[in-house]
PDB file of N, CA and C in Angstrom:
ATOM      1  N   MET A   1     -15.448   0.801  28.476  1.00  0.00           N
ATOM      2  CA  MET A   1     -14.310  -0.010  28.136  1.00  0.00           C
ATOM      3  C   MET A   1     -13.107   0.904  27.890  1.00  0.00           C
ATOM      4  N   GLU A   2     -12.051   0.686  28.591  1.00  0.00           N
ATOM      5  CA  GLU A   2     -10.851   1.512  28.512  1.00  0.00           C
ATOM      6  C   GLU A   2      -9.878   0.948  27.475  1.00  0.00           C
ATOM      7  N   HIS A   3      -9.455   1.802  26.544  1.00  0.00           N
ATOM      8  CA  HIS A   3      -8.471   1.403  25.542  1.00  0.00           C
ATOM      9  C   HIS A   3      -7.082   1.768  26.046  1.00  0.00           C
ATOM     10  N   ILE A   4      -6.135   0.899  25.855  1.00  0.00           N
ATOM     11  CA  ILE A   4      -4.784   1.133  26.335  1.00  0.00           C
ATOM     12  C   ILE A   4      -4.077   2.179  25.483  1.00  0.00           C
ATOM     13  N   ILE A   5      -4.158   2.064  24.171  1.00  0.00           N
ATOM     14  CA  ILE A   5      -3.497   3.006  23.265  1.00  0.00           C
ATOM     15  C   ILE A   5      -4.567   3.889  22.632  1.00  0.00           C
ATOM     16  N   PRO A   6      -4.418   5.218  22.727  1.00  0.00           N
ATOM     17  CA  PRO A   6      -5.420   6.116  22.130  1.00  0.00           C
ATOM     18  C   PRO A   6      -5.453   6.013  20.604  1.00  0.00           C
ATOM     19  N   MET A   7      -6.591   6.356  20.038  1.00  0.00           N
ATOM     20  CA  MET A   7      -6.785   6.288  18.593  1.00  0.00           C
ATOM     21  C   MET A   7      -5.805   7.185  17.845  1.00  0.00           C
ATOM     22  N   GLU A   8      -5.462   8.310  18.418  1.00  0.00           N
ATOM     23  CA  GLU A   8      -4.587   9.264  17.738  1.00  0.00           C
ATOM     24  C   GLU A   8      -3.223   8.657  17.418  1.00  0.00           C
ATOM     25  N   TYR A   9      -2.724   7.782  18.252  1.00  0.00           N
ATOM     26  CA  TYR A   9      -1.424   7.158  18.007  1.00  0.00           C
ATOM     27  C   TYR A   9      -1.469   6.289  16.749  1.00  0.00           C
ATOM     28  N   TYR A  10      -2.537   5.536  16.605  1.00  0.00           N
ATOM     29  CA  TYR A  10      -2.700   4.716  15.402  1.00  0.00           C
ATOM     30  C   TYR A  10      -2.807   5.595  14.158  1.00  0.00           C
ATOM     31  N   LEU A  11      -3.547   6.696  14.281  1.00  0.00           N
ATOM     32  CA  LEU A  11      -3.730   7.578  13.135  1.00  0.00           C
ATOM     33  C   LEU A  11      -2.438   8.288  12.758  1.00  0.00           C
ATOM     34  N   VAL A  12      -1.606   8.599  13.739  1.00  0.00           N
ATOM     35  CA  VAL A  12      -0.305   9.210  13.435  1.00  0.00           C
ATOM     36  C   VAL A  12       0.572   8.216  12.679  1.00  0.00           C
ATOM     37  N   VAL A  13       0.621   6.981  13.136  1.00  0.00           N
ATOM     38  CA  VAL A  13       1.405   5.951  12.438  1.00  0.00           C
ATOM     39  C   VAL A  13       0.872   5.758  11.024  1.00  0.00           C
ATOM     40  N   SER A  14      -0.437   5.708  10.877  1.00  0.00           N
ATOM     41  CA  SER A  14      -1.043   5.536   9.558  1.00  0.00           C
ATOM     42  C   SER A  14      -0.728   6.722   8.646  1.00  0.00           C
ATOM     43  N   SER A  15      -0.768   7.925   9.189  1.00  0.00           N
ATOM     44  CA  SER A  15      -0.453   9.115   8.389  1.00  0.00           C
ATOM     45  C   SER A  15       1.000   9.122   7.947  1.00  0.00           C
ATOM     46  N   ILE A  16       1.902   8.748   8.837  1.00  0.00           N
ATOM     47  CA  ILE A  16       3.324   8.678   8.478  1.00  0.00           C
ATOM     48  C   ILE A  16       3.539   7.659   7.365  1.00  0.00           C
ATOM     49  N   MET A  17       2.899   6.501   7.485  1.00  0.00           N
ATOM     50  CA  MET A  17       3.016   5.478   6.434  1.00  0.00           C
ATOM     51  C   MET A  17       2.448   5.981   5.113  1.00  0.00           C
ATOM     52  N   PHE A  18       1.306   6.666   5.184  1.00  0.00           N
ATOM     53  CA  PHE A  18       0.669   7.171   3.970  1.00  0.00           C
ATOM     54  C   PHE A  18       1.565   8.174   3.254  1.00  0.00           C
ATOM     55  N   PHE A  19       2.080   9.142   4.002  1.00  0.00           N
ATOM     56  CA  PHE A  19       2.902  10.170   3.366  1.00  0.00           C
ATOM     57  C   PHE A  19       4.268   9.637   2.947  1.00  0.00           C
ATOM     58  N   ALA A  20       4.800   8.652   3.650  1.00  0.00           N
ATOM     59  CA  ALA A  20       6.040   8.004   3.206  1.00  0.00           C
ATOM     60  C   ALA A  20       5.788   7.267   1.890  1.00  0.00           C
ATOM     61  N   GLY A  21       4.630   6.638   1.757  1.00  0.00           N
ATOM     62  CA  GLY A  21       4.276   5.965   0.513  1.00  0.00           C
ATOM     63  C   GLY A  21       4.101   6.940  -0.643  1.00  0.00           C
ATOM     64  N   ILE A  22       3.448   8.059  -0.394  1.00  0.00           N
ATOM     65  CA  ILE A  22       3.275   9.075  -1.437  1.00  0.00           C
ATOM     66  C   ILE A  22       4.631   9.642  -1.852  1.00  0.00           C
ATOM     67  N   TYR A  23       5.483   9.934  -0.863  1.00  0.00           N
ATOM     68  CA  TYR A  23       6.815  10.457  -1.152  1.00  0.00           C
ATOM     69  C   TYR A  23       7.624   9.446  -1.971  1.00  0.00           C
ATOM     70  N   GLY A  24       7.579   8.185  -1.579  1.00  0.00           N
ATOM     71  CA  GLY A  24       8.295   7.151  -2.310  1.00  0.00           C
ATOM     72  C   GLY A  24       7.766   6.968  -3.716  1.00  0.00           C
ATOM     73  N   PHE A  25       6.456   7.064  -3.889  1.00  0.00           N
ATOM     74  CA  PHE A  25       5.857   6.912  -5.206  1.00  0.00           C
ATOM     75  C   PHE A  25       6.308   8.023  -6.147  1.00  0.00           C
ATOM     76  N   ILE A  26       6.431   9.220  -5.617  1.00  0.00           N
ATOM     77  CA  ILE A  26       6.807  10.369  -6.441  1.00  0.00           C
ATOM     78  C   ILE A  26       8.305  10.385  -6.734  1.00  0.00           C
ATOM     79  N   THR A  27       9.130  10.000  -5.772  1.00  0.00           N
ATOM     80  CA  THR A  27      10.575  10.195  -5.916  1.00  0.00           C
ATOM     81  C   THR A  27      11.349   8.971  -6.392  1.00  0.00           C
ATOM     82  N   ARG A  28      10.848   7.784  -6.259  1.00  0.00           N
ATOM     83  CA  ARG A  28      11.613   6.580  -6.604  1.00  0.00           C
ATOM     84  C   ARG A  28      11.681   6.382  -8.110  1.00  0.00           C
ATOM     85  N   LYS A  29      12.787   5.824  -8.548  1.00  0.00           N
ATOM     86  CA  LYS A  29      12.995   5.582  -9.967  1.00  0.00           C
ATOM     87  C   LYS A  29      12.919   4.098 -10.329  1.00  0.00           C
ATOM     88  N   ASN A  30      12.904   3.233  -9.340  1.00  0.00           N
ATOM     89  CA  ASN A  30      12.842   1.798  -9.559  1.00  0.00           C
ATOM     90  C   ASN A  30      11.387   1.334  -9.435  1.00  0.00           C
ATOM     91  N   LEU A  31      10.945   0.476 -10.331  1.00  0.00           N
ATOM     92  CA  LEU A  31       9.550   0.023 -10.313  1.00  0.00           C
ATOM     93  C   LEU A  31       9.204  -0.762  -9.052  1.00  0.00           C
ATOM     94  N   ILE A  32      10.146  -1.534  -8.537  1.00  0.00           N
ATOM     95  CA  ILE A  32       9.887  -2.299  -7.307  1.00  0.00           C
ATOM     96  C   ILE A  32       9.694  -1.346  -6.129  1.00  0.00           C
ATOM     97  N   ALA A  33      10.506  -0.290  -6.060  1.00  0.00           N
ATOM     98  CA  ALA A  33      10.365   0.700  -4.983  1.00  0.00           C
ATOM     99  C   ALA A  33       9.037   1.442  -5.091  1.00  0.00           C
ATOM    100  N   VAL A  34       8.609   1.729  -6.313  1.00  0.00           N
ATOM    101  CA  VAL A  34       7.304   2.360  -6.514  1.00  0.00           C
ATOM    102  C   VAL A  34       6.189   1.431  -6.042  1.00  0.00           C
ATOM    103  N   LEU A  35       6.310   0.147  -6.342  1.00  0.00           N
ATOM    104  CA  LEU A  35       5.315  -0.831  -5.901  1.00  0.00           C
ATOM    105  C   LEU A  35       5.267  -0.919  -4.375  1.00  0.00           C
ATOM    106  N   ILE A  36       6.412  -0.907  -3.736  1.00  0.00           N
ATOM    107  CA  ILE A  36       6.458  -0.931  -2.273  1.00  0.00           C
ATOM    108  C   ILE A  36       5.803   0.322  -1.701  1.00  0.00           C
ATOM    109  N   SER A  37       6.003   1.454  -2.350  1.00  0.00           N
ATOM    110  CA  SER A  37       5.383   2.697  -1.892  1.00  0.00           C
ATOM    111  C   SER A  37       3.861   2.635  -2.000  1.00  0.00           C
ATOM    112  N   VAL A  38       3.370   2.048  -3.076  1.00  0.00           N
ATOM    113  CA  VAL A  38       1.917   1.884  -3.216  1.00  0.00           C
ATOM    114  C   VAL A  38       1.385   0.963  -2.123  1.00  0.00           C
ATOM    115  N   GLU A  39       2.130  -0.076  -1.804  1.00  0.00           N
ATOM    116  CA  GLU A  39       1.718  -0.991  -0.738  1.00  0.00           C
ATOM    117  C   GLU A  39       1.689  -0.291   0.622  1.00  0.00           C
ATOM    118  N   LEU A  40       2.615   0.639   0.852  1.00  0.00           N
ATOM    119  CA  LEU A  40       2.579   1.424   2.098  1.00  0.00           C
ATOM    120  C   LEU A  40       1.296   2.232   2.200  1.00  0.00           C
ATOM    121  N   VAL A  41       0.881   2.835   1.090  1.00  0.00           N
ATOM    122  CA  VAL A  41      -0.362   3.611   1.090  1.00  0.00           C
ATOM    123  C   VAL A  41      -1.552   2.705   1.383  1.00  0.00           C
ATOM    124  N   LEU A  42      -1.590   1.550   0.753  1.00  0.00           N
ATOM    125  CA  LEU A  42      -2.708   0.627   0.983  1.00  0.00           C
ATOM    126  C   LEU A  42      -2.718   0.090   2.413  1.00  0.00           C
ATOM    127  N   THR A  43      -1.549  -0.157   2.970  1.00  0.00           N
ATOM    128  CA  THR A  43      -1.476  -0.632   4.349  1.00  0.00           C
ATOM    129  C   THR A  43      -1.942   0.439   5.326  1.00  0.00           C
ATOM    130  N   SER A  44      -1.645   1.690   5.030  1.00  0.00           N
ATOM    131  CA  SER A  44      -2.115   2.759   5.919  1.00  0.00           C
ATOM    132  C   SER A  44      -3.644   2.846   5.910  1.00  0.00           C
ATOM    133  N   THR A  45      -4.264   2.587   4.760  1.00  0.00           N
ATOM    134  CA  THR A  45      -5.729   2.588   4.746  1.00  0.00           C
ATOM    135  C   THR A  45      -6.283   1.380   5.505  1.00  0.00           C
ATOM    136  N   ASP A  46      -5.582   0.260   5.442  1.00  0.00           N
ATOM    137  CA  ASP A  46      -6.008  -0.914   6.213  1.00  0.00           C
ATOM    138  C   ASP A  46      -5.974  -0.628   7.705  1.00  0.00           C
ATOM    139  N   ILE A  47      -4.939   0.062   8.148  1.00  0.00           N
ATOM    140  CA  ILE A  47      -4.849   0.430   9.565  1.00  0.00           C
ATOM    141  C   ILE A  47      -6.022   1.326   9.943  1.00  0.00           C
ATOM    142  N   ASN A  48      -6.366   2.270   9.075  1.00  0.00           N
ATOM    143  CA  ASN A  48      -7.496   3.160   9.364  1.00  0.00           C
ATOM    144  C   ASN A  48      -8.806   2.388   9.456  1.00  0.00           C
ATOM    145  N   PHE A  49      -9.023   1.450   8.530  1.00  0.00           N
ATOM    146  CA  PHE A  49     -10.243   0.629   8.608  1.00  0.00           C
ATOM    147  C   PHE A  49     -10.335  -0.084   9.952  1.00  0.00           C
ATOM    148  N   ALA A  50      -9.264  -0.725  10.348  1.00  0.00           N
ATOM    149  CA  ALA A  50      -9.276  -1.503  11.587  1.00  0.00           C
ATOM    150  C   ALA A  50      -9.428  -0.615  12.815  1.00  0.00           C
ATOM    151  N   VAL A  51      -8.736   0.510  12.840  1.00  0.00           N
ATOM    152  CA  VAL A  51      -8.783   1.394  14.009  1.00  0.00           C
ATOM    153  C   VAL A  51     -10.156   2.029  14.164  1.00  0.00           C
ATOM    154  N   PHE A  52     -10.701   2.555  13.079  1.00  0.00           N
ATOM    155  CA  PHE A  52     -12.019   3.179  13.189  1.00  0.00           C
ATOM    156  C   PHE A  52     -13.088   2.153  13.562  1.00  0.00           C
ATOM    157  N   ASN A  53     -12.974   0.952  13.053  1.00  0.00           N
ATOM    158  CA  ASN A  53     -13.914  -0.083  13.450  1.00  0.00           C
ATOM    159  C   ASN A  53     -13.782  -0.394  14.941  1.00  0.00           C
ATOM    160  N   ARG A  54     -12.564  -0.520  15.411  1.00  0.00           N
ATOM    161  CA  ARG A  54     -12.330  -0.895  16.806  1.00  0.00           C
ATOM    162  C   ARG A  54     -12.800   0.177  17.778  1.00  0.00           C
ATOM    163  N   PHE A  55     -12.574   1.434  17.443  1.00  0.00           N
ATOM    164  CA  PHE A  55     -12.904   2.504  18.374  1.00  0.00           C
ATOM    165  C   PHE A  55     -14.323   3.037  18.219  1.00  0.00           C
ATOM    166  N   LEU A  56     -14.875   3.035  17.011  1.00  0.00           N
ATOM    167  CA  LEU A  56     -16.208   3.602  16.818  1.00  0.00           C
ATOM    168  C   LEU A  56     -17.318   2.559  16.926  1.00  0.00           C
ATOM    169  N   PHE A  57     -17.071   1.371  16.398  1.00  0.00           N
ATOM    170  CA  PHE A  57     -18.088   0.316  16.407  1.00  0.00           C
ATOM    171  C   PHE A  57     -17.462  -0.997  16.863  1.00  0.00           C
ATOM    172  N   PRO A  58     -17.088  -1.113  18.127  1.00  0.00           N
ATOM    173  CA  PRO A  58     -16.383  -2.327  18.567  1.00  0.00           C
ATOM    174  C   PRO A  58     -17.239  -3.591  18.508  1.00  0.00           C
ATOM    175  N   GLN A  59     -18.548  -3.459  18.481  1.00  0.00           N
ATOM    176  CA  GLN A  59     -19.406  -4.634  18.449  1.00  0.00           C
ATOM    177  C   GLN A  59     -19.631  -5.158  17.029  1.00  0.00           C
ATOM    178  N   HIS A  60     -19.223  -4.382  16.013  1.00  0.00           N
ATOM    179  CA  HIS A  60     -19.387  -4.794  14.618  1.00  0.00           C
ATOM    180  C   HIS A  60     -18.030  -5.141  14.014  1.00  0.00           C
ATOM    181  N   LEU A  61     -18.051  -5.882  12.915  1.00  0.00           N
ATOM    182  CA  LEU A  61     -16.810  -6.319  12.284  1.00  0.00           C
ATOM    183  C   LEU A  61     -16.658  -5.837  10.845  1.00  0.00           C
ATOM    184  N   GLU A  62     -17.440  -4.835  10.424  1.00  0.00           N
ATOM    185  CA  GLU A  62     -17.371  -4.391   9.041  1.00  0.00           C
ATOM    186  C   GLU A  62     -15.986  -3.861   8.681  1.00  0.00           C
ATOM    187  N   GLY A  63     -15.377  -3.092   9.572  1.00  0.00           N
ATOM    188  CA  GLY A  63     -14.047  -2.551   9.306  1.00  0.00           C
ATOM    189  C   GLY A  63     -13.006  -3.641   9.158  1.00  0.00           C
ATOM    190  N   MET A  64     -13.146  -4.685   9.959  1.00  0.00           N
ATOM    191  CA  MET A  64     -12.214  -5.796   9.857  1.00  0.00           C
ATOM    192  C   MET A  64     -12.393  -6.554   8.532  1.00  0.00           C
ATOM    193  N   PHE A  65     -13.656  -6.691   8.087  1.00  0.00           N
ATOM    194  CA  PHE A  65     -13.900  -7.346   6.807  1.00  0.00           C
ATOM    195  C   PHE A  65     -13.356  -6.513   5.651  1.00  0.00           C
ATOM    196  N   PHE A  66     -13.538  -5.181   5.723  1.00  0.00           N
ATOM    197  CA  PHE A  66     -12.960  -4.306   4.705  1.00  0.00           C
ATOM    198  C   PHE A  66     -11.444  -4.443   4.679  1.00  0.00           C
ATOM    199  N   THR A  67     -10.836  -4.543   5.855  1.00  0.00           N
ATOM    200  CA  THR A  67      -9.384  -4.693   5.939  1.00  0.00           C
ATOM    201  C   THR A  67      -8.939  -6.001   5.296  1.00  0.00           C
ATOM    202  N   LEU A  68      -9.603  -7.099   5.615  1.00  0.00           N
ATOM    203  CA  LEU A  68      -9.250  -8.387   5.014  1.00  0.00           C
ATOM    204  C   LEU A  68      -9.448  -8.381   3.506  1.00  0.00           C
ATOM    205  N   PHE A  69     -10.525  -7.769   3.041  1.00  0.00           N
ATOM    206  CA  PHE A  69     -10.765  -7.670   1.604  1.00  0.00           C
ATOM    207  C   PHE A  69      -9.681  -6.827   0.942  1.00  0.00           C
ATOM    208  N   SER A  70      -9.314  -5.738   1.567  1.00  0.00           N
ATOM    209  CA  SER A  70      -8.274  -4.863   1.032  1.00  0.00           C
ATOM    210  C   SER A  70      -6.917  -5.564   0.985  1.00  0.00           C
ATOM    211  N   ILE A  71      -6.617  -6.354   2.000  1.00  0.00           N
ATOM    212  CA  ILE A  71      -5.363  -7.117   1.997  1.00  0.00           C
ATOM    213  C   ILE A  71      -5.359  -8.120   0.850  1.00  0.00           C
ATOM    214  N   GLY A  72      -6.479  -8.763   0.607  1.00  0.00           N
ATOM    215  CA  GLY A  72      -6.578  -9.702  -0.517  1.00  0.00           C
ATOM    216  C   GLY A  72      -6.407  -9.010  -1.859  1.00  0.00           C
ATOM    217  N   VAL A  73      -7.028  -7.857  -2.024  1.00  0.00           N
ATOM    218  CA  VAL A  73      -6.880  -7.094  -3.263  1.00  0.00           C
ATOM    219  C   VAL A  73      -5.437  -6.628  -3.424  1.00  0.00           C
ATOM    220  N   SER A  74      -4.804  -6.209  -2.334  1.00  0.00           N
ATOM    221  CA  SER A  74      -3.400  -5.773  -2.386  1.00  0.00           C
ATOM    222  C   SER A  74      -2.488  -6.918  -2.795  1.00  0.00           C
ATOM    223  N   ALA A  75      -2.750  -8.102  -2.295  1.00  0.00           N
ATOM    224  CA  ALA A  75      -1.927  -9.255  -2.654  1.00  0.00           C
ATOM    225  C   ALA A  75      -2.073  -9.577  -4.136  1.00  0.00           C
ATOM    226  N   ALA A  76      -3.290  -9.531  -4.647  1.00  0.00           N
ATOM    227  CA  ALA A  76      -3.506  -9.796  -6.071  1.00  0.00           C
ATOM    228  C   ALA A  76      -2.861  -8.706  -6.925  1.00  0.00           C
ATOM    229  N   GLU A  77      -2.987  -7.479  -6.509  1.00  0.00           N
ATOM    230  CA  GLU A  77      -2.384  -6.358  -7.236  1.00  0.00           C
ATOM    231  C   GLU A  77      -0.872  -6.489  -7.262  1.00  0.00           C
ATOM    232  N   THR A  78      -0.272  -6.893  -6.155  1.00  0.00           N
ATOM    233  CA  THR A  78       1.178  -7.066  -6.090  1.00  0.00           C
ATOM    234  C   THR A  78       1.634  -8.188  -7.007  1.00  0.00           C
ATOM    235  N   ALA A  79       0.898  -9.281  -7.040  1.00  0.00           N
ATOM    236  CA  ALA A  79       1.269 -10.405  -7.911  1.00  0.00           C
ATOM    237  C   ALA A  79       1.226  -9.993  -9.374  1.00  0.00           C
ATOM    238  N   VAL A  80       0.205  -9.276  -9.771  1.00  0.00           N
ATOM    239  CA  VAL A  80       0.092  -8.826 -11.163  1.00  0.00           C
ATOM    240  C   VAL A  80       1.185  -7.811 -11.475  1.00  0.00           C
ATOM    241  N   ALA A  81       1.436  -6.883 -10.561  1.00  0.00           N
ATOM    242  CA  ALA A  81       2.463  -5.866 -10.800  1.00  0.00           C
ATOM    243  C   ALA A  81       3.852  -6.485 -10.923  1.00  0.00           C
ATOM    244  N   ILE A  82       4.163  -7.460 -10.086  1.00  0.00           N
ATOM    245  CA  ILE A  82       5.473  -8.109 -10.172  1.00  0.00           C
ATOM    246  C   ILE A  82       5.591  -8.885 -11.487  1.00  0.00           C
ATOM    247  N   ALA A  83       4.527  -9.517 -11.938  1.00  0.00           N
ATOM    248  CA  ALA A  83       4.555 -10.208 -13.233  1.00  0.00           C
ATOM    249  C   ALA A  83       4.811  -9.215 -14.368  1.00  0.00           C
ATOM    250  N   ILE A  84       4.187  -8.055 -14.300  1.00  0.00           N
ATOM    251  CA  ILE A  84       4.411  -7.023 -15.320  1.00  0.00           C
ATOM    252  C   ILE A  84       5.848  -6.524 -15.264  1.00  0.00           C
ATOM    253  N   ILE A  85       6.359  -6.296 -14.056  1.00  0.00           N
ATOM    254  CA  ILE A  85       7.739  -5.817 -13.902  1.00  0.00           C
ATOM    255  C   ILE A  85       8.728  -6.851 -14.433  1.00  0.00           C
ATOM    256  N   ILE A  86       8.481  -8.120 -14.199  1.00  0.00           N
ATOM    257  CA  ILE A  86       9.366  -9.169 -14.721  1.00  0.00           C
ATOM    258  C   ILE A  86       9.359  -9.161 -16.247  1.00  0.00           C
ATOM    259  N   ASN A  87       8.194  -9.001 -16.860  1.00  0.00           N
ATOM    260  CA  ASN A  87       8.127  -8.931 -18.323  1.00  0.00           C
ATOM    261  C   ASN A  87       8.832  -7.694 -18.863  1.00  0.00           C
ATOM    262  N   ILE A  88       8.705  -6.574 -18.170  1.00  0.00           N
ATOM    263  CA  ILE A  88       9.424  -5.360 -18.582  1.00  0.00           C
ATOM    264  C   ILE A  88      10.922  -5.596 -18.491  1.00  0.00           C
ATOM    265  N   TYR A  89      11.367  -6.236 -17.424  1.00  0.00           N
ATOM    266  CA  TYR A  89      12.796  -6.497 -17.272  1.00  0.00           C
ATOM    267  C   TYR A  89      13.315  -7.432 -18.376  1.00  0.00           C
ATOM    268  N   ARG A  90      12.517  -8.410 -18.748  1.00  0.00           N
ATOM    269  CA  ARG A  90      12.927  -9.323 -19.823  1.00  0.00           C
ATOM    270  C   ARG A  90      13.076  -8.596 -21.160  1.00  0.00           C
ATOM    271  N   ASN A  91      12.242  -7.584 -21.374  1.00  0.00           N
ATOM    272  CA  ASN A  91      12.276  -6.868 -22.653  1.00  0.00           C
ATOM    273  C   ASN A  91      13.363  -5.805 -22.725  1.00  0.00           C
ATOM    274  N   ILE A  92      13.540  -5.022 -21.665  1.00  0.00           N
ATOM    275  CA  ILE A  92      14.478  -3.898 -21.749  1.00  0.00           C
ATOM    276  C   ILE A  92      15.633  -4.004 -20.763  1.00  0.00           C
ATOM    277  N   LYS A  93      15.705  -5.088 -19.990  1.00  0.00           N
ATOM    278  CA  LYS A  93      16.811  -5.340 -19.049  1.00  0.00           C
ATOM    279  C   LYS A  93      16.999  -4.217 -18.025  1.00  0.00           C
ATOM    280  N   SER A  94      15.903  -3.608 -17.608  1.00  0.00           N
ATOM    281  CA  SER A  94      15.969  -2.551 -16.608  1.00  0.00           C
ATOM    282  C   SER A  94      14.613  -2.428 -15.925  1.00  0.00           C
ATOM    283  N   THR A  95      14.642  -2.012 -14.667  1.00  0.00           N
ATOM    284  CA  THR A  95      13.392  -1.738 -13.949  1.00  0.00           C
ATOM    285  C   THR A  95      13.287  -0.269 -13.567  1.00  0.00           C
ATOM    286  N   GLU A  96      14.085   0.569 -14.229  1.00  0.00           N
ATOM    287  CA  GLU A  96      14.021   2.004 -13.972  1.00  0.00           C
ATOM    288  C   GLU A  96      12.825   2.603 -14.716  1.00  0.00           C
ATOM    289  N   VAL A  97      12.153   3.540 -14.057  1.00  0.00           N
ATOM    290  CA  VAL A  97      10.962   4.151 -14.638  1.00  0.00           C
ATOM    291  C   VAL A  97      11.318   4.927 -15.905  1.00  0.00           C
ATOM    292  N   ARG A  98      12.452   5.605 -15.907  1.00  0.00           N
ATOM    293  CA  ARG A  98      12.824   6.419 -17.079  1.00  0.00           C
ATOM    294  C   ARG A  98      13.065   5.568 -18.319  1.00  0.00           C
ATOM    295  N   ASN A  99      13.399   4.302 -18.163  1.00  0.00           N
ATOM    296  CA  ASN A  99      13.642   3.439 -19.314  1.00  0.00           C
ATOM    297  C   ASN A  99      12.364   2.850 -19.916  1.00  0.00           C
ATOM    298  N   LEU A 100      11.225   3.158 -19.334  1.00  0.00           N
ATOM    299  CA  LEU A 100       9.975   2.626 -19.866  1.00  0.00           C
ATOM    300  C   LEU A 100       9.615   3.241 -21.208  1.00  0.00           C
ATOM    301  N   LYS A 101      10.247   4.367 -21.561  1.00  0.00           N
ATOM    302  CA  LYS A 101      10.011   4.967 -22.868  1.00  0.00           C
ATOM    303  C   LYS A 101      10.484   4.033 -23.990  1.00  0.00           C
ATOM    304  N   ASN A 102      11.433   3.140 -23.674  1.00  0.00           N
ATOM    305  CA  ASN A 102      11.936   2.198 -24.662  1.00  0.00           C
ATOM    306  C   ASN A 102      10.874   1.192 -25.096  1.00  0.00           C
ATOM    307  N   LEU A 103       9.817   1.032 -24.321  1.00  0.00           N
ATOM    308  CA  LEU A 103       8.766   0.089 -24.674  1.00  0.00           C
ATOM    309  C   LEU A 103       7.950   0.572 -25.862  1.00  0.00           C
ATOM    310  N   LYS A 104       7.981   1.882 -26.128  1.00  0.00           N
ATOM    311  CA  LYS A 104       7.211   2.438 -27.253  1.00  0.00           C
ATOM    312  C   LYS A 104       7.811   2.041 -28.593  1.00  0.00           C
ATOM    313  N   ASP A 105       9.095   1.793 -28.618  1.00  0.00           N
ATOM    314  CA  ASP A 105       9.785   1.466 -29.877  1.00  0.00           C
ATOM    315  C   ASP A 105       9.444   0.102 -30.392  1.00  0.00           C
TER     316      ASP A 105
END
């Protein structure tokens, strides 16, 4: 069975997304931007699950099930994180990471 796009192309895209997410997580000062960066990292792992399943075990669907489960966990994690960010904003009127020290007071 001939694949149109080689596996390496998918892995390069996934690696770029992963490292962009890590870079954003380290450098961003806004909580929403940090959350988006974490989602980029999780999406890159989803791409890896799907690609490795498709190219290594095309007759099985375990990688696809892992991807769907991971997407569901990511959605739940995002909902909880946004609820936490909204509560932080209500308390200190800011979503900047450096202002989280005000929560200790």
